[in-house]
Protein backbone atom coordinates (compact mmCIF):
# COMPACT_ATOMS: atom_id res chain seq x y z
CA MET A 1 68.06 71.20 94.03
CA SER A 2 67.37 74.80 94.96
CA THR A 3 68.27 77.78 92.78
CA VAL A 4 70.76 79.09 95.32
CA ALA A 5 72.54 75.73 95.49
CA GLU A 6 73.00 75.81 91.71
CA LEU A 7 74.59 79.25 91.73
CA TYR A 8 78.30 78.88 91.00
CA TRP A 9 80.95 81.32 89.83
CA ASP A 10 84.51 80.31 89.04
CA PRO A 11 86.97 82.97 87.76
CA TYR A 12 89.01 80.24 86.09
CA ASP A 13 86.10 78.87 84.02
CA ALA A 14 86.41 80.05 80.39
CA ALA A 15 82.72 79.42 79.66
CA LEU A 16 81.65 81.64 82.56
CA ALA A 17 84.17 84.30 81.49
CA ARG A 18 82.63 84.48 78.00
CA GLU A 19 79.35 85.76 79.39
CA PRO A 20 79.64 86.42 83.13
CA HIS A 21 76.89 89.00 83.56
CA PRO A 22 73.94 86.62 84.13
CA VAL A 23 75.93 84.94 86.92
CA PHE A 24 76.98 88.32 88.32
CA ALA A 25 73.33 89.41 88.37
CA ARG A 26 72.40 86.32 90.36
CA LEU A 27 75.28 86.87 92.77
CA ARG A 28 74.09 90.43 93.46
CA GLU A 29 70.53 89.31 94.18
CA GLU A 30 70.84 85.82 95.65
CA MET A 31 74.27 85.68 97.30
CA PRO A 32 75.68 89.20 97.87
CA LEU A 33 78.36 87.47 99.92
CA TYR A 34 79.54 84.49 97.91
CA HIS A 35 81.89 81.74 99.03
CA ASN A 36 83.63 79.47 96.54
CA GLU A 37 84.77 76.35 98.40
CA LYS A 38 86.73 74.87 95.49
CA HIS A 39 89.07 77.85 95.19
CA ASN A 40 88.61 79.07 98.77
CA PHE A 41 87.62 82.70 98.28
CA TYR A 42 84.78 85.05 99.15
CA ALA A 43 83.28 87.66 96.84
CA VAL A 44 80.94 90.65 96.97
CA SER A 45 79.19 92.08 93.93
CA ARG A 46 76.94 95.03 94.83
CA PHE A 47 78.14 98.55 94.06
CA ALA A 48 78.05 99.82 97.65
CA ASP A 49 79.82 96.71 98.94
CA VAL A 50 82.60 96.82 96.34
CA GLN A 51 83.07 100.55 96.86
CA ARG A 52 83.23 100.18 100.64
CA GLY A 53 85.50 97.16 100.59
CA LEU A 54 88.07 98.52 98.14
CA ALA A 55 88.33 101.72 100.18
CA ASP A 56 88.94 99.81 103.44
CA TRP A 57 92.63 98.96 103.06
CA ARG A 58 93.01 98.21 106.76
CA THR A 59 90.64 95.23 106.54
CA TYR A 60 91.30 94.28 102.92
CA THR A 61 95.01 94.70 102.37
CA SER A 62 96.92 94.85 99.09
CA THR A 63 100.18 93.78 100.70
CA LYS A 64 99.76 90.15 99.65
CA GLY A 65 98.71 91.03 96.10
CA ASP A 66 95.60 91.99 94.15
CA ILE A 67 95.27 88.73 92.20
CA LEU A 68 93.74 85.63 93.81
CA ASP A 69 96.57 83.41 92.57
CA LEU A 70 99.16 85.73 94.07
CA ILE A 71 97.43 86.04 97.44
CA GLN A 72 97.10 82.27 97.77
CA SER A 73 100.61 81.51 96.52
CA GLY A 74 102.34 82.77 99.64
CA ILE A 75 104.99 84.47 97.51
CA GLU A 76 106.80 87.29 99.33
CA ILE A 77 106.17 90.54 97.51
CA PRO A 78 109.26 92.70 96.94
CA PRO A 79 109.26 96.03 98.80
CA GLY A 80 108.42 99.05 96.70
CA THR A 81 105.74 97.30 94.64
CA LEU A 82 103.32 100.21 94.72
CA ILE A 83 100.11 98.37 93.91
CA PHE A 84 100.92 95.81 96.61
CA GLU A 85 101.39 98.32 99.42
CA ASP A 86 99.07 100.12 101.79
CA PRO A 87 99.35 103.53 103.50
CA PRO A 88 101.46 105.09 104.81
CA VAL A 89 104.27 103.48 102.75
CA HIS A 90 102.01 103.27 99.70
CA ASP A 91 101.31 107.00 99.86
CA LEU A 92 105.01 107.87 99.95
CA HIS A 93 105.75 105.74 96.88
CA ARG A 94 102.61 106.82 95.04
CA ARG A 95 103.51 110.48 95.50
CA LEU A 96 106.92 109.79 94.02
CA LEU A 97 105.43 108.13 90.94
CA ALA A 98 102.76 110.83 90.65
CA ARG A 99 105.55 113.45 90.51
CA VAL A 100 106.86 111.93 87.29
CA PHE A 101 103.56 110.53 85.99
CA THR A 102 102.02 113.98 85.68
CA PRO A 103 99.02 115.11 83.60
CA ARG A 104 101.40 117.31 81.60
CA ARG A 105 103.65 114.38 80.74
CA ILE A 106 100.66 112.24 79.81
CA ALA A 107 99.20 115.01 77.64
CA MET A 108 102.53 115.35 75.87
CA LEU A 109 102.19 111.76 74.70
CA GLU A 110 99.09 112.51 72.62
CA PRO A 111 100.80 113.52 69.34
CA GLN A 112 103.09 110.47 69.46
CA ALA A 113 100.27 108.13 70.45
CA ARG A 114 98.06 109.45 67.66
CA ALA A 115 100.85 109.17 65.10
CA PHE A 116 101.48 105.58 66.13
CA CYS A 117 97.78 104.69 65.99
CA ARG A 118 97.52 106.14 62.48
CA SER A 119 100.59 104.26 61.32
CA ALA A 120 99.22 101.03 62.81
CA LEU A 121 96.02 101.50 60.79
CA ASP A 122 97.79 102.44 57.55
CA PRO A 123 98.43 98.84 56.37
CA VAL A 124 94.73 97.92 56.73
CA ARG A 125 93.04 101.09 55.44
CA ASP A 126 92.36 99.61 52.00
CA THR A 127 91.37 96.14 53.20
CA ASP A 128 87.88 94.85 53.83
CA ARG A 129 88.89 92.74 56.81
CA PHE A 130 91.49 92.96 59.59
CA ASP A 131 92.04 91.93 63.22
CA LEU A 132 91.68 94.98 65.48
CA VAL A 133 93.66 93.32 68.27
CA GLU A 134 96.57 92.48 66.00
CA ALA A 135 96.58 95.89 64.31
CA VAL A 136 95.98 98.22 67.28
CA SER A 137 95.03 96.70 70.66
CA ALA A 138 98.13 94.54 71.02
CA GLN A 139 100.43 97.30 69.81
CA MET A 140 99.36 100.75 70.94
CA PRO A 141 99.43 100.49 74.76
CA MET A 142 102.93 99.07 74.92
CA ARG A 143 104.15 101.66 72.42
CA VAL A 144 102.72 104.45 74.59
CA ILE A 145 104.20 102.96 77.77
CA GLY A 146 107.47 102.60 75.88
CA MET A 147 107.37 106.28 74.97
CA LEU A 148 106.67 107.15 78.61
CA LEU A 149 109.47 104.99 80.01
CA GLY A 150 111.89 105.65 77.17
CA ILE A 151 112.11 102.00 76.03
CA PRO A 152 113.44 101.52 72.49
CA GLU A 153 110.74 100.49 70.04
CA ALA A 154 112.64 97.32 69.15
CA ASP A 155 112.28 96.05 72.74
CA GLN A 156 108.65 96.98 73.34
CA ALA A 157 107.03 93.95 71.71
CA ALA A 158 109.10 91.53 73.80
CA ILE A 159 108.02 93.28 77.00
CA ARG A 160 104.36 93.17 75.92
CA ASP A 161 104.58 89.48 75.04
CA GLN A 162 106.09 88.59 78.41
CA THR A 163 103.33 90.50 80.22
CA ASP A 164 100.64 88.68 78.22
CA ALA A 165 102.25 85.31 78.84
CA THR A 166 102.46 85.98 82.58
CA LEU A 167 98.71 86.61 82.88
CA ALA A 168 97.49 83.88 80.50
CA THR A 169 95.86 80.76 81.93
CA GLU A 170 94.43 77.52 80.60
CA ASP A 171 90.71 76.83 81.10
CA GLY A 172 90.14 75.94 84.73
CA GLN A 173 93.80 76.47 85.63
CA ARG A 174 95.61 79.09 87.66
CA MET A 175 98.51 81.32 86.65
CA SER A 176 101.95 79.73 86.91
CA GLN A 177 103.75 80.70 90.11
CA GLU A 178 106.91 81.40 88.12
CA GLY A 179 105.15 84.23 86.29
CA LEU A 180 103.33 85.83 89.18
CA LEU A 181 106.08 88.29 89.99
CA SER A 182 108.53 88.54 87.13
CA PHE A 183 110.70 91.66 87.16
CA GLU A 184 113.61 90.59 84.98
CA VAL A 185 112.46 91.99 81.65
CA PHE A 186 113.69 95.56 82.38
CA LYS A 187 116.86 94.68 84.26
CA ASP A 188 119.43 95.07 81.48
CA TYR A 189 117.68 98.12 80.11
CA ILE A 190 117.74 99.92 83.47
CA ALA A 191 121.47 99.27 83.76
CA TRP A 192 121.95 100.75 80.28
CA ARG A 193 119.68 103.75 80.93
CA LYS A 194 121.66 104.58 84.08
CA ASN A 195 124.62 105.43 81.87
CA ASN A 196 122.48 106.95 79.13
CA PRO A 197 120.00 109.31 80.83
CA SER A 198 117.19 110.81 78.79
CA ASP A 199 114.00 112.85 79.11
CA ASP A 200 111.78 109.96 80.14
CA LEU A 201 110.00 108.60 83.19
CA MET A 202 112.62 105.93 83.84
CA THR A 203 115.43 108.50 84.09
CA GLU A 204 113.29 110.65 86.40
CA LEU A 205 112.60 107.64 88.61
CA MET A 206 116.33 107.04 88.89
CA THR A 207 117.15 110.63 89.81
CA ALA A 208 114.14 111.90 91.81
CA GLU A 209 114.92 112.50 95.48
CA PHE A 210 112.30 111.70 98.11
CA GLU A 211 112.00 111.10 101.83
CA ASP A 212 111.36 107.42 102.50
CA GLU A 213 109.36 105.79 105.30
CA ASN A 214 112.46 105.94 107.56
CA GLY A 215 112.87 109.69 107.11
CA VAL A 216 115.91 109.25 104.85
CA THR A 217 116.22 111.51 101.79
CA ARG A 218 117.42 109.35 98.91
CA THR A 219 116.79 108.17 95.36
CA LEU A 220 115.32 104.83 94.37
CA THR A 221 117.55 101.77 94.23
CA ASP A 222 117.92 99.93 90.92
CA ASP A 223 115.67 97.18 92.24
CA GLU A 224 113.00 99.72 93.18
CA VAL A 225 113.17 101.35 89.74
CA LEU A 226 112.87 97.88 88.22
CA THR A 227 109.75 97.19 90.26
CA TYR A 228 108.14 100.52 89.38
CA CYS A 229 108.77 100.06 85.66
CA THR A 230 107.43 96.52 85.69
CA VAL A 231 104.24 97.57 87.46
CA VAL A 232 103.65 100.54 85.12
CA ALA A 233 104.30 98.47 82.00
CA GLY A 234 102.25 95.46 83.06
CA ALA A 235 99.23 97.38 84.30
CA GLY A 236 99.19 99.85 81.42
CA ASN A 237 99.66 97.33 78.64
CA GLU A 238 97.19 94.59 79.39
CA THR A 239 94.13 96.53 80.51
CA THR A 240 94.29 99.34 77.96
CA GLY A 241 94.72 96.89 75.09
CA ARG A 242 91.56 95.09 76.16
CA LEU A 243 89.71 98.44 76.36
CA ILE A 244 90.40 99.10 72.68
CA GLY A 245 89.15 95.63 71.83
CA TRP A 246 85.92 96.22 73.74
CA PHE A 247 85.46 99.45 71.82
CA GLY A 248 85.58 97.51 68.55
CA ALA A 249 83.19 94.84 69.80
CA LEU A 250 80.62 97.15 71.37
CA MET A 251 80.55 99.57 68.45
CA ALA A 252 79.72 96.61 66.20
CA ARG A 253 76.90 95.56 68.52
CA TYR A 254 75.50 99.10 68.77
CA PRO A 255 75.92 100.61 65.28
CA GLY A 256 73.45 103.43 65.99
CA GLN A 257 75.61 104.71 68.82
CA ARG A 258 78.71 104.25 66.68
CA ARG A 259 77.13 106.51 64.06
CA GLU A 260 76.54 109.14 66.75
CA LEU A 261 80.26 109.06 67.59
CA VAL A 262 81.21 109.39 63.93
CA ASP A 263 78.91 112.40 63.59
CA ASP A 264 79.99 113.96 66.89
CA PRO A 265 83.45 112.87 68.14
CA SER A 266 83.03 115.05 71.24
CA LEU A 267 80.89 112.20 72.59
CA ILE A 268 83.85 109.79 72.53
CA PRO A 269 85.26 110.48 76.04
CA ASN A 270 81.92 109.69 77.64
CA ALA A 271 81.56 106.61 75.42
CA ILE A 272 84.89 105.37 76.79
CA GLU A 273 83.51 105.76 80.33
CA GLU A 274 80.46 103.72 79.39
CA ILE A 275 82.62 100.98 77.87
CA LEU A 276 84.63 100.87 81.10
CA ARG A 277 81.40 100.51 83.06
CA PHE A 278 79.74 98.01 80.74
CA GLU A 279 82.69 95.69 80.09
CA PRO A 280 85.56 96.54 82.47
CA THR A 281 88.86 95.07 81.39
CA GLY A 282 89.64 94.14 85.01
CA PRO A 283 86.40 92.46 86.17
CA PHE A 284 87.43 92.00 89.80
CA THR A 285 90.13 92.82 92.33
CA ALA A 286 91.41 90.52 95.06
CA ARG A 287 92.39 91.46 98.58
CA TYR A 288 93.68 89.62 101.66
CA VAL A 289 91.41 89.86 104.73
CA THR A 290 93.38 91.04 107.77
CA ARG A 291 90.64 90.64 110.40
CA ASP A 292 87.24 89.00 110.73
CA ALA A 293 84.67 90.93 108.71
CA GLU A 294 80.88 90.76 108.84
CA TRP A 295 78.86 90.64 105.61
CA TYR A 296 75.16 89.88 105.46
CA GLY A 297 75.12 88.11 108.80
CA GLN A 298 78.15 85.97 107.98
CA THR A 299 81.77 86.19 109.07
CA VAL A 300 84.58 86.33 106.55
CA PRO A 301 87.50 85.10 108.66
CA ALA A 302 90.88 86.77 108.81
CA GLY A 303 93.29 85.14 106.40
CA SER A 304 90.69 84.74 103.66
CA ALA A 305 90.89 86.01 100.09
CA MET A 306 88.11 88.39 99.05
CA LEU A 307 87.22 89.29 95.46
CA PHE A 308 85.50 92.61 94.79
CA ILE A 309 83.66 92.15 91.50
CA GLN A 310 83.67 95.54 89.80
CA ALA A 311 82.05 94.13 86.66
CA ALA A 312 79.02 93.15 88.75
CA ALA A 313 78.99 96.38 90.74
CA ASN A 314 79.06 98.41 87.52
CA ARG A 315 75.68 96.92 86.59
CA ASP A 316 74.00 97.08 89.97
CA PRO A 317 70.39 98.29 89.53
CA ARG A 318 70.62 99.85 92.99
CA ARG A 319 73.10 102.31 91.48
CA TYR A 320 72.14 102.61 87.80
CA ASP A 321 68.92 102.94 85.84
CA ASP A 322 68.63 100.19 83.23
CA PRO A 323 72.18 98.98 83.99
CA ASP A 324 72.33 96.28 81.31
CA THR A 325 71.71 98.84 78.56
CA PHE A 326 74.77 100.25 76.83
CA ASP A 327 74.34 104.02 76.53
CA ILE A 328 77.11 106.39 75.45
CA HIS A 329 75.13 109.30 76.91
CA ARG A 330 75.03 107.83 80.42
CA VAL A 331 76.84 109.97 82.99
CA ALA A 332 77.70 107.81 85.96
CA GLN A 333 80.59 106.82 88.19
CA GLN A 334 82.08 103.40 87.53
CA LEU A 335 84.41 101.33 89.67
CA SER A 336 86.66 99.97 86.95
CA PHE A 337 89.68 102.02 88.08
CA GLY A 338 89.22 101.14 91.74
CA VAL A 339 88.56 103.31 94.78
CA GLY A 340 90.49 105.33 97.33
CA ALA A 341 94.21 104.91 97.96
CA HIS A 342 94.60 102.39 95.16
CA TYR A 343 92.64 104.29 92.50
CA CYS A 344 94.46 103.54 89.25
CA LEU A 345 97.34 105.97 88.77
CA GLY A 346 97.21 105.28 85.03
CA ALA A 347 93.51 106.08 84.60
CA ALA A 348 94.23 109.31 82.70
CA LEU A 349 96.63 107.50 80.38
CA ALA A 350 94.11 104.72 79.69
CA ARG A 351 91.42 107.30 78.91
CA LEU A 352 93.80 109.17 76.61
CA GLU A 353 94.69 106.01 74.68
CA GLY A 354 91.08 104.88 74.49
CA ARG A 355 89.97 108.25 73.13
CA ILE A 356 92.75 108.46 70.55
CA ALA A 357 92.18 104.90 69.36
CA ALA A 358 88.43 105.49 69.07
CA GLU A 359 88.91 108.73 67.13
CA GLU A 360 91.39 107.21 64.71
CA ILE A 361 89.49 103.94 64.18
CA LEU A 362 86.21 105.76 63.55
CA GLY A 363 87.95 108.22 61.26
CA ALA A 364 89.38 105.40 59.16
CA PHE A 365 86.39 103.03 59.35
CA PRO A 366 82.99 104.63 60.03
CA SER A 367 81.29 101.21 60.02
CA TRP A 368 82.19 97.58 60.55
CA GLU A 369 80.90 94.18 61.61
CA VAL A 370 82.68 91.55 63.68
CA ASP A 371 83.30 88.03 62.45
CA TRP A 372 82.06 86.60 65.74
CA ASP A 373 82.79 83.00 64.72
CA ASN A 374 86.49 83.82 64.70
CA ALA A 375 86.60 86.31 67.57
CA GLU A 376 88.38 84.94 70.62
CA LEU A 377 88.43 86.07 74.25
CA ALA A 378 91.77 85.77 76.03
CA GLN A 379 91.79 83.19 78.81
CA THR A 380 92.95 84.89 81.99
CA SER A 381 91.58 85.11 85.50
CA THR A 382 92.65 88.73 85.92
CA VAL A 383 91.61 90.69 82.82
CA ARG A 384 88.85 90.13 80.29
CA GLY A 385 88.99 91.07 76.64
CA TYR A 386 89.65 89.92 73.12
CA LYS A 387 92.68 87.98 71.94
CA ALA A 388 91.37 88.17 68.38
CA LEU A 389 88.66 90.47 66.99
CA PRO A 390 88.38 90.24 63.19
CA LEU A 391 86.51 93.24 61.74
CA ILE A 392 84.69 93.23 58.41
CA VAL A 393 84.73 96.83 57.19
CA GLY A 394 82.94 98.77 54.50
């Protein structure tokens, strides 16, 4: 059997998810347009192809979802779901969210986020072993999103747990259709907040006036606010938590570079960029193909699902020198936050949280090892990162 015939990538295969980069490298070189017959999708993996495809929203639409399971489910997506819209409606709704999701508001979260991170580390400061995911990664992002939205601390863990459960899959299995679009978790809280306004993003979403796609000046409906809050909470919680886990894992694998960060914390922001390039928490993005598209002499027919593999593109030797080397001094664009109209609105918040977590973890624990035998990757076809990451410190 030929080498090409043996090349197989399956986003639902837990073994492939544990170490996908050798397969991604082969996809880039041997099958830059890949077709998986079992799950009926196409995929591209080179930097230029992923960049071009994600920017072309007319051919590769978000309106049927950005997850393969969602696109193929046929579920009707509620209107106002920002990440599942395209211009011009997408631009109207994105501008509204950007008005209340400002750099100033994000920067104002830093003292609270830092205080929370320190308090999360307090119980483990005198131990010689702790789980970084349990202590920080699974806690901090939802706390920060909770601060942003104005969700009481007592309710934040339940929201995080529902988000995690929605995205989790069994080996070889897809996400449950019941969990693909679940918006109920905020419903009662939004009704309460309507009568108890505060200085938070949720209140601003309820009160901000805008001109909609029909030229009508209005505020968001309760259902639209519900959708916005669910999208912000889900996207911000899952991916940022995995980023903190990858920081712990990669700093254990590259202790020399960790020492550089301890000695010079000003290097941390660039180190976060390199982590995002090297092990992106969202390895690929799905799109629905609206019209026949030509790739490498082949036709991807309209109606197909296409996966743009950012994790492969981020290590394309056509774009990067020595791409499989982790280097905190590397200065290079990465595709982990997407491209164009759908560039991640929460990128600045994720970077803020990653930087704060790195600074506080390194300040408390200048060195550590990972108990790799008991580390566990989460099984999900949408994000990639650790479910458990036990650190041995000292």
